[in-house]
């Protein structure tokens, strides 16, 4: 093979590789609670990623009903907290402020913080909690509702406790530092440790990528 033909062939392979990289997202999809990453194109994800966040309906701090329709065609970030938590929750809220600072005025990025003690965290308590933390973002909702429904959504839809949580029942207390990123089609695209600032900084970067998809 001549040098010219070899170079042309090599260039063709390079272009093909670049093309494939452009087609597949740099942000993986997750389809199971084991969080095995799948790097796919949006077209591939339609048929290969079956898991999406299930329908839900909960009340926020302003007594407004928030459902899966609220996040239609929007990126949303799910966290699981409770207002009387004195351990990981304050750190998570503080770190999520990094997301809030970047996307607080973006109507296509929503934060959903589900209370894991909904029998205590009434809408008024959640409103006071949001006020105490000086959170003014109208797209950051603190949610309460039936315990069984929140726990099922957390474990079965968001895989909030990964494979361990997926097999837990609603009698076991849900307490996790995991923060979940879901895309505009309610497919899971990331899991982050909410107590680590570096993880949240990565979350901010991943949101920027999803916004361009």
N, C-alpha and C. Protein backbone atom coordinates (compact mmCIF):
# COMPACT_ATOMS: atom_id res chain seq x y z
N UNK A 1 0.86 -1.21 0.00
CA UNK A 1 0.00 0.00 0.00
C UNK A 1 0.88 1.25 0.00
N UNK A 2 0.55 2.19 -0.86
CA UNK A 2 1.35 3.41 -0.93
C UNK A 2 1.12 4.28 0.29
N UNK A 3 2.07 5.16 0.54
CA UNK A 3 1.97 6.08 1.68
C UNK A 3 0.71 6.93 1.57
N UNK A 4 0.38 7.39 0.35
CA UNK A 4 -0.79 8.26 0.15
C UNK A 4 -2.08 7.53 0.47
N UNK A 5 -2.18 6.29 -0.03
CA UNK A 5 -3.38 5.49 0.23
C UNK A 5 -3.51 5.21 1.73
N UNK A 6 -2.36 4.89 2.38
CA UNK A 6 -2.38 4.61 3.81
C UNK A 6 -2.87 5.82 4.61
N UNK A 7 -2.37 7.01 4.25
CA UNK A 7 -2.77 8.23 4.95
C UNK A 7 -4.25 8.51 4.75
N UNK A 8 -4.73 8.29 3.53
CA UNK A 8 -6.16 8.52 3.26
C UNK A 8 -7.01 7.55 4.07
N UNK A 9 -6.56 6.30 4.17
CA UNK A 9 -7.32 5.30 4.93
C UNK A 9 -7.34 5.65 6.41
N UNK A 10 -6.18 6.07 6.91
CA UNK A 10 -6.08 6.46 8.33
C UNK A 10 -6.98 7.65 8.63
N UNK A 11 -6.99 8.61 7.70
CA UNK A 11 -7.82 9.79 7.90
C UNK A 11 -9.29 9.42 7.90
N UNK A 12 -9.67 8.48 7.03
CA UNK A 12 -11.07 8.05 6.96
C UNK A 12 -11.49 7.39 8.27
N UNK A 13 -10.60 6.56 8.84
CA UNK A 13 -10.90 5.91 10.13
C UNK A 13 -11.04 6.95 11.23
N UNK A 14 -10.16 7.96 11.22
CA UNK A 14 -10.20 9.03 12.21
C UNK A 14 -11.52 9.78 12.14
N UNK A 15 -11.95 10.11 10.92
CA UNK A 15 -13.22 10.83 10.73
C UNK A 15 -14.39 10.00 11.24
N UNK A 16 -14.34 8.68 10.98
CA UNK A 16 -15.40 7.80 11.44
C UNK A 16 -15.46 7.76 12.95
N UNK A 17 -14.29 7.70 13.60
CA UNK A 17 -14.24 7.67 15.06
C UNK A 17 -14.78 8.96 15.65
N UNK A 18 -14.39 10.08 15.08
CA UNK A 18 -14.87 11.38 15.55
C UNK A 18 -16.37 11.48 15.38
N UNK A 19 -16.86 10.98 14.23
CA UNK A 19 -18.29 11.00 13.95
C UNK A 19 -19.07 10.21 14.98
N UNK A 20 -18.55 9.03 15.33
CA UNK A 20 -19.21 8.19 16.33
C UNK A 20 -19.22 8.86 17.70
N UNK A 21 -18.10 9.52 18.01
CA UNK A 21 -18.01 10.22 19.29
C UNK A 21 -19.01 11.36 19.36
N UNK A 22 -19.22 12.02 18.23
CA UNK A 22 -20.17 13.13 18.21
C UNK A 22 -21.60 12.63 18.35
N UNK A 23 -21.87 11.43 17.81
CA UNK A 23 -23.21 10.89 17.85
C UNK A 23 -23.58 10.43 19.25
N UNK A 24 -22.61 9.84 19.97
CA UNK A 24 -22.88 9.34 21.31
C UNK A 24 -22.63 10.42 22.35
N UNK A 25 -23.54 10.51 23.31
CA UNK A 25 -23.41 11.53 24.34
C UNK A 25 -22.22 11.25 25.24
N UNK A 26 -21.59 12.31 25.71
CA UNK A 26 -20.50 12.16 26.68
C UNK A 26 -21.06 11.97 28.09
N UNK A 27 -22.35 12.18 28.24
CA UNK A 27 -23.04 11.95 29.52
C UNK A 27 -23.79 10.63 29.40
N UNK A 28 -23.45 9.63 30.21
CA UNK A 28 -24.08 8.31 30.05
C UNK A 28 -25.55 8.28 30.45
N UNK A 29 -26.20 7.22 30.00
CA UNK A 29 -27.56 6.90 30.43
C UNK A 29 -27.44 5.76 31.45
N UNK A 30 -28.39 5.72 32.39
CA UNK A 30 -28.41 4.64 33.37
C UNK A 30 -29.79 3.99 33.33
N UNK A 31 -29.79 2.66 33.24
CA UNK A 31 -31.04 1.93 33.05
C UNK A 31 -31.39 1.01 34.21
N UNK A 32 -30.42 0.80 35.11
CA UNK A 32 -30.61 -0.13 36.22
C UNK A 32 -30.02 0.44 37.50
N UNK A 33 -30.43 -0.09 38.65
CA UNK A 33 -29.92 0.43 39.93
C UNK A 33 -28.44 0.17 40.17
N UNK A 34 -27.83 -0.67 39.35
CA UNK A 34 -26.38 -0.88 39.49
C UNK A 34 -25.59 0.29 38.89
N UNK A 35 -26.27 1.17 38.18
CA UNK A 35 -25.67 2.35 37.56
C UNK A 35 -24.53 1.98 36.60
N UNK A 36 -24.82 1.03 35.73
CA UNK A 36 -23.90 0.71 34.64
C UNK A 36 -24.07 1.79 33.57
N UNK A 37 -23.00 2.49 33.20
CA UNK A 37 -23.15 3.59 32.23
C UNK A 37 -23.31 3.08 30.80
N UNK A 38 -24.18 3.75 30.05
CA UNK A 38 -24.39 3.45 28.64
C UNK A 38 -24.19 4.74 27.85
N UNK A 39 -23.16 4.76 27.02
CA UNK A 39 -22.89 5.94 26.20
C UNK A 39 -23.55 5.74 24.84
N UNK A 40 -24.65 6.43 24.64
CA UNK A 40 -25.48 6.22 23.47
C UNK A 40 -25.87 7.55 22.83
N UNK A 41 -26.30 7.47 21.59
CA UNK A 41 -26.89 8.64 20.95
C UNK A 41 -28.33 8.77 21.45
N UNK A 42 -28.93 9.92 21.25
CA UNK A 42 -30.32 10.12 21.66
C UNK A 42 -31.23 9.13 20.96
N UNK A 43 -30.93 8.84 19.68
CA UNK A 43 -31.75 7.91 18.92
C UNK A 43 -31.64 6.50 19.49
N UNK A 44 -30.42 6.09 19.85
CA UNK A 44 -30.23 4.77 20.45
C UNK A 44 -30.92 4.67 21.80
N UNK A 45 -30.86 5.75 22.57
CA UNK A 45 -31.44 5.75 23.92
C UNK A 45 -32.94 5.52 23.91
N UNK A 46 -33.59 5.95 22.84
CA UNK A 46 -35.04 5.78 22.74
C UNK A 46 -35.43 4.31 22.84
N UNK A 47 -34.66 3.46 22.19
CA UNK A 47 -34.99 2.03 22.17
C UNK A 47 -34.22 1.21 23.20
N UNK A 48 -33.02 1.66 23.56
CA UNK A 48 -32.17 0.86 24.44
C UNK A 48 -32.29 1.20 25.93
N UNK A 49 -32.76 2.41 26.23
CA UNK A 49 -32.93 2.82 27.64
C UNK A 49 -34.42 2.91 27.94
N UNK A 50 -34.92 1.89 28.60
CA UNK A 50 -36.36 1.82 28.88
C UNK A 50 -36.75 2.55 30.17
N UNK A 51 -35.80 2.71 31.07
CA UNK A 51 -36.14 3.27 32.38
C UNK A 51 -36.30 4.78 32.34
N UNK A 52 -37.41 5.26 32.89
CA UNK A 52 -37.65 6.70 33.06
C UNK A 52 -38.25 6.92 34.45
N UNK A 53 -38.23 8.16 34.89
CA UNK A 53 -38.85 8.49 36.17
C UNK A 53 -40.36 8.32 36.05
N UNK A 54 -40.92 7.57 36.96
CA UNK A 54 -42.35 7.25 36.92
C UNK A 54 -43.21 8.47 37.24
N UNK A 55 -44.49 8.44 36.87
CA UNK A 55 -45.40 9.54 37.22
C UNK A 55 -45.45 9.74 38.73
N UNK A 56 -45.57 10.98 39.15
CA UNK A 56 -45.64 11.29 40.58
C UNK A 56 -46.49 12.54 40.79
N UNK A 57 -46.89 12.75 42.02
CA UNK A 57 -47.68 13.94 42.36
C UNK A 57 -47.46 14.25 43.84
N UNK A 58 -46.80 15.38 44.11
CA UNK A 58 -46.51 15.78 45.48
C UNK A 58 -46.77 17.27 45.66
N UNK A 59 -46.83 17.70 46.89
CA UNK A 59 -47.13 19.09 47.22
C UNK A 59 -45.84 19.81 47.62
N UNK A 60 -45.65 21.02 47.08
CA UNK A 60 -44.43 21.75 47.43
C UNK A 60 -44.67 22.72 48.58
N UNK A 61 -43.66 23.50 48.90
CA UNK A 61 -43.69 24.41 50.05
C UNK A 61 -44.75 25.50 49.91
N UNK A 62 -45.21 25.75 48.71
CA UNK A 62 -46.26 26.76 48.49
C UNK A 62 -47.62 26.11 48.28
N UNK A 63 -47.71 24.82 48.66
CA UNK A 63 -48.92 24.03 48.49
C UNK A 63 -49.35 23.91 47.02
N UNK A 64 -48.37 23.95 46.16
CA UNK A 64 -48.59 23.77 44.73
C UNK A 64 -48.31 22.31 44.38
N UNK A 65 -49.19 21.74 43.53
CA UNK A 65 -49.00 20.35 43.14
C UNK A 65 -47.93 20.25 42.06
N UNK A 66 -46.91 19.43 42.33
CA UNK A 66 -45.82 19.22 41.40
C UNK A 66 -45.89 17.77 40.90
N UNK A 67 -45.96 17.59 39.59
CA UNK A 67 -46.07 16.26 39.02
C UNK A 67 -44.97 16.05 37.98
N UNK A 68 -44.97 14.85 37.39
CA UNK A 68 -44.00 14.59 36.32
C UNK A 68 -44.20 15.53 35.14
N UNK A 69 -45.43 16.06 35.00
CA UNK A 69 -45.69 17.01 33.91
C UNK A 69 -44.94 18.32 34.13
N UNK A 70 -44.68 18.64 35.40
CA UNK A 70 -43.96 19.88 35.73
C UNK A 70 -42.56 19.87 35.15
N UNK A 71 -41.97 18.68 35.06
CA UNK A 71 -40.60 18.59 34.57
C UNK A 71 -40.51 18.11 33.12
N UNK A 72 -41.65 18.06 32.44
CA UNK A 72 -41.64 17.69 31.02
C UNK A 72 -40.69 18.58 30.23
N UNK A 73 -39.81 17.97 29.45
CA UNK A 73 -38.86 18.68 28.58
C UNK A 73 -37.90 19.58 29.36
N UNK A 74 -37.72 19.25 30.64
CA UNK A 74 -36.80 20.02 31.48
C UNK A 74 -35.80 19.07 32.14
N UNK A 75 -34.63 19.60 32.42
CA UNK A 75 -33.65 18.86 33.20
C UNK A 75 -34.05 19.02 34.67
N UNK A 76 -33.99 17.93 35.43
CA UNK A 76 -34.26 18.11 36.86
C UNK A 76 -33.29 17.32 37.72
N UNK A 77 -33.06 17.86 38.92
CA UNK A 77 -32.10 17.30 39.87
C UNK A 77 -32.89 16.90 41.11
N UNK A 78 -32.80 15.64 41.48
CA UNK A 78 -33.55 15.13 42.63
C UNK A 78 -32.64 14.88 43.82
N UNK A 79 -33.09 15.35 44.98
CA UNK A 79 -32.37 15.09 46.22
C UNK A 79 -33.39 14.67 47.27
N UNK A 80 -32.91 14.06 48.35
CA UNK A 80 -33.80 13.53 49.39
C UNK A 80 -33.31 14.01 50.74
N UNK A 81 -34.12 14.85 51.37
CA UNK A 81 -33.69 15.54 52.59
C UNK A 81 -34.81 15.51 53.64
N UNK A 82 -34.54 16.03 54.83
CA UNK A 82 -35.61 16.33 55.79
C UNK A 82 -35.17 17.52 56.63
N UNK A 83 -36.14 18.32 57.01
CA UNK A 83 -35.84 19.63 57.61
C UNK A 83 -35.13 19.54 58.96
N UNK A 84 -35.33 18.44 59.68
CA UNK A 84 -34.70 18.32 61.01
C UNK A 84 -33.34 17.62 60.94
N UNK A 85 -32.90 17.29 59.75
CA UNK A 85 -31.62 16.59 59.58
C UNK A 85 -30.47 17.50 59.99
N UNK A 86 -29.58 16.96 60.83
CA UNK A 86 -28.44 17.75 61.28
C UNK A 86 -27.12 17.22 60.78
N UNK A 87 -27.19 16.23 59.87
CA UNK A 87 -25.94 15.63 59.40
C UNK A 87 -25.67 15.99 57.94
N UNK A 88 -26.09 15.14 57.01
CA UNK A 88 -25.72 15.35 55.61
C UNK A 88 -26.58 16.39 54.89
N UNK A 89 -27.82 16.57 55.33
CA UNK A 89 -28.74 17.45 54.59
C UNK A 89 -28.25 18.90 54.50
N UNK A 90 -27.80 19.51 55.59
CA UNK A 90 -27.31 20.89 55.47
C UNK A 90 -26.15 21.03 54.49
N UNK A 91 -25.28 20.01 54.45
CA UNK A 91 -24.15 20.03 53.51
C UNK A 91 -24.65 19.91 52.08
N UNK A 92 -25.64 19.03 51.87
CA UNK A 92 -26.20 18.85 50.53
C UNK A 92 -26.86 20.13 50.03
N UNK A 93 -27.63 20.77 50.90
CA UNK A 93 -28.31 22.01 50.51
C UNK A 93 -27.28 23.09 50.18
N UNK A 94 -26.24 23.17 50.99
CA UNK A 94 -25.19 24.15 50.74
C UNK A 94 -24.51 23.90 49.40
N UNK A 95 -24.23 22.64 49.11
CA UNK A 95 -23.57 22.31 47.84
C UNK A 95 -24.50 22.51 46.65
N UNK A 96 -25.78 22.24 46.83
CA UNK A 96 -26.73 22.45 45.73
C UNK A 96 -26.87 23.93 45.40
N UNK A 97 -26.43 24.79 46.31
CA UNK A 97 -26.43 26.22 46.02
C UNK A 97 -25.52 26.53 44.84
N UNK A 98 -24.54 25.66 44.60
CA UNK A 98 -23.66 25.84 43.45
C UNK A 98 -24.48 25.70 42.16
N UNK A 99 -25.37 24.72 42.14
CA UNK A 99 -26.27 24.54 40.99
C UNK A 99 -27.24 25.71 40.91
N UNK A 100 -27.75 26.09 42.07
CA UNK A 100 -28.72 27.18 42.13
C UNK A 100 -28.12 28.49 41.63
N UNK A 101 -26.88 28.74 41.98
CA UNK A 101 -26.20 29.97 41.56
C UNK A 101 -26.04 30.02 40.04
N UNK A 102 -25.78 28.86 39.45
CA UNK A 102 -25.56 28.79 38.01
C UNK A 102 -26.87 28.77 37.22
N UNK A 103 -27.87 28.04 37.72
CA UNK A 103 -29.09 27.82 36.94
C UNK A 103 -30.37 28.31 37.63
N UNK A 104 -30.22 29.11 38.65
CA UNK A 104 -31.37 29.57 39.41
C UNK A 104 -32.38 30.36 38.60
N UNK A 105 -31.95 30.96 37.51
CA UNK A 105 -32.86 31.76 36.68
C UNK A 105 -33.20 31.04 35.37
N UNK A 106 -32.83 29.79 35.28
CA UNK A 106 -33.10 29.00 34.08
C UNK A 106 -34.38 28.18 34.28
N UNK A 107 -35.46 28.49 33.56
CA UNK A 107 -36.72 27.78 33.74
C UNK A 107 -36.69 26.33 33.27
N UNK A 108 -35.61 25.95 32.57
CA UNK A 108 -35.51 24.59 32.05
C UNK A 108 -34.63 23.69 32.91
N UNK A 109 -34.26 24.21 34.08
CA UNK A 109 -33.52 23.41 35.06
C UNK A 109 -34.26 23.50 36.39
N UNK A 110 -34.72 22.35 36.90
CA UNK A 110 -35.50 22.34 38.13
C UNK A 110 -34.82 21.47 39.18
N UNK A 111 -34.96 21.89 40.42
CA UNK A 111 -34.47 21.11 41.55
C UNK A 111 -35.67 20.63 42.35
N UNK A 112 -35.71 19.32 42.61
CA UNK A 112 -36.77 18.73 43.42
C UNK A 112 -36.14 18.08 44.64
N UNK A 113 -36.44 18.64 45.82
CA UNK A 113 -35.92 18.08 47.07
C UNK A 113 -37.08 17.42 47.80
N UNK A 114 -37.08 16.10 47.82
CA UNK A 114 -38.16 15.33 48.43
C UNK A 114 -37.89 15.12 49.91
N UNK A 115 -38.89 15.37 50.74
CA UNK A 115 -38.73 15.12 52.17
C UNK A 115 -38.88 13.62 52.43
N UNK A 116 -37.95 13.07 53.22
CA UNK A 116 -38.04 11.65 53.58
C UNK A 116 -38.73 11.48 54.94
N UNK A 117 -39.16 12.61 55.53
CA UNK A 117 -40.02 12.56 56.72
C UNK A 117 -41.27 13.40 56.42
N UNK A 118 -42.03 12.99 55.42
CA UNK A 118 -43.18 13.81 54.98
C UNK A 118 -44.29 13.89 56.02
N UNK A 119 -44.31 12.97 56.98
CA UNK A 119 -45.31 13.04 58.04
C UNK A 119 -45.00 14.18 59.02
N UNK A 120 -43.78 14.70 58.95
CA UNK A 120 -43.37 15.84 59.79
C UNK A 120 -43.26 17.11 58.95
N UNK A 121 -42.69 16.97 57.77
CA UNK A 121 -42.42 18.13 56.92
C UNK A 121 -43.65 18.55 56.12
N UNK A 122 -44.45 19.38 56.75
CA UNK A 122 -45.62 19.94 56.09
C UNK A 122 -45.17 21.00 55.09
N UNK A 123 -46.06 21.44 54.20
CA UNK A 123 -45.69 22.52 53.28
C UNK A 123 -45.15 23.75 54.01
N UNK A 124 -45.75 24.09 55.15
CA UNK A 124 -45.30 25.26 55.90
C UNK A 124 -43.89 25.06 56.44
N UNK A 125 -43.60 23.85 56.94
CA UNK A 125 -42.24 23.58 57.44
C UNK A 125 -41.23 23.66 56.31
N UNK A 126 -41.62 23.16 55.15
CA UNK A 126 -40.72 23.21 54.00
C UNK A 126 -40.53 24.65 53.53
N UNK A 127 -41.57 25.44 53.62
CA UNK A 127 -41.48 26.86 53.25
C UNK A 127 -40.53 27.59 54.19
N UNK A 128 -40.68 27.30 55.49
CA UNK A 128 -39.78 27.91 56.49
C UNK A 128 -38.34 27.47 56.25
N UNK A 129 -38.17 26.21 55.89
CA UNK A 129 -36.84 25.66 55.62
C UNK A 129 -36.21 26.35 54.42
N UNK A 130 -36.99 26.53 53.37
CA UNK A 130 -36.49 27.20 52.16
C UNK A 130 -36.12 28.64 52.48
N UNK A 131 -36.95 29.30 53.26
CA UNK A 131 -36.68 30.68 53.65
C UNK A 131 -35.43 30.78 54.52
N UNK A 132 -35.31 29.86 55.47
CA UNK A 132 -34.15 29.86 56.37
C UNK A 132 -32.85 29.66 55.61
N UNK A 133 -32.92 28.93 54.51
CA UNK A 133 -31.73 28.70 53.70
C UNK A 133 -31.55 29.73 52.59
N UNK A 134 -32.39 30.78 52.64
CA UNK A 134 -32.30 31.92 51.72
C UNK A 134 -32.37 31.49 50.25
N UNK A 135 -33.25 30.52 50.00
CA UNK A 135 -33.43 30.02 48.64
C UNK A 135 -34.64 30.72 48.02
N UNK A 136 -34.40 31.48 46.97
CA UNK A 136 -35.47 32.24 46.33
C UNK A 136 -35.84 31.70 44.94
N UNK A 137 -35.14 30.70 44.51
CA UNK A 137 -35.38 30.11 43.19
C UNK A 137 -36.78 29.50 43.11
N UNK A 138 -37.66 30.00 42.23
CA UNK A 138 -39.01 29.45 42.12
C UNK A 138 -39.03 28.06 41.50
N UNK A 139 -37.91 27.65 40.92
CA UNK A 139 -37.83 26.33 40.30
C UNK A 139 -37.15 25.29 41.19
N UNK A 140 -36.96 25.65 42.46
CA UNK A 140 -36.46 24.70 43.45
C UNK A 140 -37.62 24.38 44.38
N UNK A 141 -38.16 23.18 44.22
CA UNK A 141 -39.35 22.77 44.97
C UNK A 141 -38.99 21.77 46.07
N UNK A 142 -39.48 22.04 47.27
CA UNK A 142 -39.34 21.12 48.39
C UNK A 142 -40.67 20.40 48.54
N UNK A 143 -40.62 19.06 48.44
CA UNK A 143 -41.85 18.30 48.26
C UNK A 143 -42.19 17.39 49.43
N UNK A 144 -43.49 17.27 49.67
CA UNK A 144 -43.99 16.37 50.69
C UNK A 144 -45.20 15.62 50.14
N UNK A 145 -45.56 14.55 50.81
CA UNK A 145 -46.68 13.73 50.35
C UNK A 145 -46.72 12.44 51.14
N UNK A 146 -47.25 11.38 50.55
CA UNK A 146 -47.32 10.10 51.22
C UNK A 146 -45.93 9.45 51.28
N UNK A 147 -45.57 8.98 52.46
CA UNK A 147 -44.25 8.37 52.66
C UNK A 147 -44.00 7.23 51.67
N UNK A 148 -44.97 6.33 51.54
CA UNK A 148 -44.77 5.17 50.68
C UNK A 148 -44.53 5.57 49.24
N UNK A 149 -45.19 6.63 48.79
CA UNK A 149 -45.04 7.08 47.41
C UNK A 149 -43.68 7.74 47.18
N UNK A 150 -43.23 8.53 48.16
CA UNK A 150 -41.91 9.16 48.05
C UNK A 150 -40.81 8.10 48.08
N UNK A 151 -40.91 7.15 49.01
CA UNK A 151 -39.89 6.12 49.14
C UNK A 151 -39.84 5.22 47.90
N UNK A 152 -41.01 4.88 47.37
CA UNK A 152 -41.05 4.06 46.16
C UNK A 152 -40.43 4.79 44.99
N UNK A 153 -40.77 6.07 44.84
CA UNK A 153 -40.21 6.87 43.75
C UNK A 153 -38.69 6.97 43.89
N UNK A 154 -38.24 7.22 45.12
CA UNK A 154 -36.80 7.37 45.36
C UNK A 154 -36.04 6.10 45.00
N UNK A 155 -36.57 4.96 45.41
CA UNK A 155 -35.85 3.71 45.25
C UNK A 155 -36.07 3.05 43.89
N UNK A 156 -37.29 3.07 43.42
CA UNK A 156 -37.60 2.36 42.18
C UNK A 156 -37.40 3.22 40.94
N UNK A 157 -37.59 4.53 41.05
CA UNK A 157 -37.45 5.40 39.88
C UNK A 157 -36.08 6.07 39.82
N UNK A 158 -35.68 6.68 40.95
CA UNK A 158 -34.40 7.40 40.96
C UNK A 158 -33.21 6.51 41.34
N UNK A 159 -33.49 5.27 41.78
CA UNK A 159 -32.41 4.39 42.25
C UNK A 159 -31.55 5.11 43.29
N UNK A 160 -32.20 5.83 44.18
CA UNK A 160 -31.49 6.72 45.11
C UNK A 160 -30.52 5.99 46.03
N UNK A 161 -30.82 4.72 46.32
CA UNK A 161 -29.90 3.94 47.14
C UNK A 161 -29.27 2.80 46.34
N UNK A 162 -29.23 2.99 45.03
CA UNK A 162 -28.64 2.00 44.12
C UNK A 162 -29.31 0.64 44.31
N UNK A 163 -28.57 -0.45 44.11
CA UNK A 163 -29.19 -1.77 44.15
C UNK A 163 -29.68 -2.12 45.55
N UNK A 164 -29.02 -1.61 46.60
CA UNK A 164 -29.47 -1.87 47.97
C UNK A 164 -30.84 -1.25 48.20
N UNK A 165 -30.98 0.02 47.80
CA UNK A 165 -32.23 0.71 48.00
C UNK A 165 -33.35 0.15 47.15
N UNK A 166 -33.01 -0.36 45.99
CA UNK A 166 -34.01 -0.88 45.07
C UNK A 166 -34.77 -2.05 45.68
N UNK A 167 -34.10 -2.78 46.57
CA UNK A 167 -34.72 -3.95 47.18
C UNK A 167 -35.30 -3.64 48.56
N UNK A 168 -35.15 -2.41 49.03
CA UNK A 168 -35.68 -2.04 50.35
C UNK A 168 -37.17 -1.77 50.27
N UNK A 169 -37.86 -2.01 51.37
CA UNK A 169 -39.28 -1.66 51.39
C UNK A 169 -39.45 -0.32 52.11
N UNK A 170 -40.69 0.18 52.12
CA UNK A 170 -40.94 1.53 52.63
C UNK A 170 -40.84 1.63 54.14
N UNK A 171 -40.63 0.50 54.85
CA UNK A 171 -40.50 0.58 56.30
C UNK A 171 -39.07 0.96 56.71
N UNK A 172 -38.12 0.78 55.81
CA UNK A 172 -36.74 1.13 56.11
C UNK A 172 -36.50 2.60 55.80
N UNK A 173 -35.98 3.34 56.76
CA UNK A 173 -35.79 4.78 56.60
C UNK A 173 -34.86 5.09 55.44
N UNK A 174 -35.27 6.04 54.64
CA UNK A 174 -34.48 6.46 53.48
C UNK A 174 -33.62 7.65 53.87
N UNK A 175 -32.31 7.46 53.81
CA UNK A 175 -31.39 8.55 54.15
C UNK A 175 -30.17 8.40 53.25
N UNK A 176 -30.08 9.22 52.23
CA UNK A 176 -29.02 9.07 51.25
C UNK A 176 -28.44 10.41 50.85
N UNK A 177 -27.14 10.41 50.58
CA UNK A 177 -26.47 11.62 50.10
C UNK A 177 -26.51 11.71 48.57
N UNK A 178 -27.10 10.72 47.93
CA UNK A 178 -27.12 10.69 46.47
C UNK A 178 -28.04 11.76 45.88
N UNK A 179 -27.55 12.38 44.84
CA UNK A 179 -28.32 13.35 44.07
C UNK A 179 -28.38 12.84 42.64
N UNK A 180 -29.56 12.84 42.07
CA UNK A 180 -29.79 12.23 40.77
C UNK A 180 -30.09 13.29 39.71
N UNK A 181 -29.45 13.15 38.56
CA UNK A 181 -29.69 14.03 37.42
C UNK A 181 -30.54 13.31 36.39
N UNK A 182 -31.66 13.93 36.00
CA UNK A 182 -32.54 13.36 34.98
C UNK A 182 -32.65 14.35 33.83
N UNK A 183 -32.66 13.83 32.63
CA UNK A 183 -32.68 14.71 31.46
C UNK A 183 -34.10 15.12 31.05
N UNK A 184 -34.19 15.76 29.90
CA UNK A 184 -35.47 16.31 29.42
C UNK A 184 -36.50 15.22 29.14
N UNK A 185 -36.04 13.98 29.03
CA UNK A 185 -36.95 12.85 28.79
C UNK A 185 -37.13 11.99 30.02
N UNK A 186 -36.72 12.52 31.17
CA UNK A 186 -36.85 11.86 32.47
C UNK A 186 -36.02 10.57 32.55
N UNK A 187 -34.95 10.51 31.79
CA UNK A 187 -34.02 9.40 31.88
C UNK A 187 -32.86 9.79 32.80
N UNK A 188 -32.40 8.85 33.60
CA UNK A 188 -31.33 9.13 34.55
C UNK A 188 -30.00 9.27 33.82
N UNK A 189 -29.30 10.37 34.10
CA UNK A 189 -28.03 10.65 33.41
C UNK A 189 -26.85 10.82 34.36
N UNK A 190 -27.11 10.83 35.67
CA UNK A 190 -25.98 10.98 36.58
C UNK A 190 -26.37 10.75 38.03
N UNK A 191 -25.40 10.30 38.82
CA UNK A 191 -25.56 10.17 40.27
C UNK A 191 -24.35 10.82 40.92
N UNK A 192 -24.58 11.59 41.97
CA UNK A 192 -23.53 12.40 42.59
C UNK A 192 -23.65 12.32 44.11
N UNK A 193 -22.52 12.44 44.77
CA UNK A 193 -22.50 12.51 46.22
C UNK A 193 -22.73 13.96 46.62
N UNK A 194 -23.88 14.23 47.19
CA UNK A 194 -24.26 15.59 47.52
C UNK A 194 -23.44 16.24 48.61
N UNK A 195 -22.63 15.46 49.31
CA UNK A 195 -21.80 16.03 50.37
C UNK A 195 -20.42 16.45 49.84
N UNK A 196 -20.16 16.15 48.57
CA UNK A 196 -18.86 16.48 47.98
C UNK A 196 -19.01 17.62 46.97
N UNK A 197 -18.33 18.72 47.23
CA UNK A 197 -18.42 19.88 46.34
C UNK A 197 -17.93 19.53 44.93
N UNK A 198 -16.92 18.69 44.85
CA UNK A 198 -16.39 18.31 43.53
C UNK A 198 -17.43 17.57 42.71
N UNK A 199 -18.24 16.76 43.35
CA UNK A 199 -19.31 16.04 42.65
C UNK A 199 -20.35 17.02 42.12
N UNK A 200 -20.68 18.02 42.92
CA UNK A 200 -21.69 18.99 42.51
C UNK A 200 -21.15 19.89 41.39
N UNK A 201 -19.89 20.18 41.43
CA UNK A 201 -19.28 20.94 40.33
C UNK A 201 -19.34 20.14 39.03
N UNK A 202 -19.17 18.82 39.15
CA UNK A 202 -19.32 17.96 37.97
C UNK A 202 -20.76 17.95 37.49
N UNK A 203 -21.70 17.95 38.44
CA UNK A 203 -23.12 18.03 38.10
C UNK A 203 -23.42 19.28 37.29
N UNK A 204 -22.88 20.40 37.69
CA UNK A 204 -23.08 21.66 36.97
C UNK A 204 -22.57 21.53 35.53
N UNK A 205 -21.41 20.91 35.38
CA UNK A 205 -20.85 20.72 34.03
C UNK A 205 -21.73 19.78 33.20
N UNK A 206 -22.25 18.73 33.83
CA UNK A 206 -23.07 17.78 33.10
C UNK A 206 -24.40 18.39 32.67
N UNK A 207 -24.95 19.27 33.49
CA UNK A 207 -26.17 19.98 33.11
C UNK A 207 -25.93 20.80 31.84
N UNK A 208 -24.79 21.45 31.78
CA UNK A 208 -24.45 22.27 30.60
C UNK A 208 -24.40 21.40 29.34
N UNK A 209 -23.88 20.18 29.47
CA UNK A 209 -23.82 19.28 28.32
C UNK A 209 -25.23 18.86 27.89
N UNK A 210 -26.07 18.51 28.88
CA UNK A 210 -27.43 18.09 28.57
C UNK A 210 -28.24 19.20 27.89
N UNK A 211 -27.97 20.43 28.26
CA UNK A 211 -28.70 21.55 27.68
C UNK A 211 -28.39 21.70 26.18
N UNK A 212 -27.24 21.17 25.77
CA UNK A 212 -26.86 21.28 24.37
C UNK A 212 -27.28 20.07 23.53
N UNK A 213 -27.75 19.01 24.22
CA UNK A 213 -28.14 17.81 23.47
C UNK A 213 -29.41 18.05 22.64
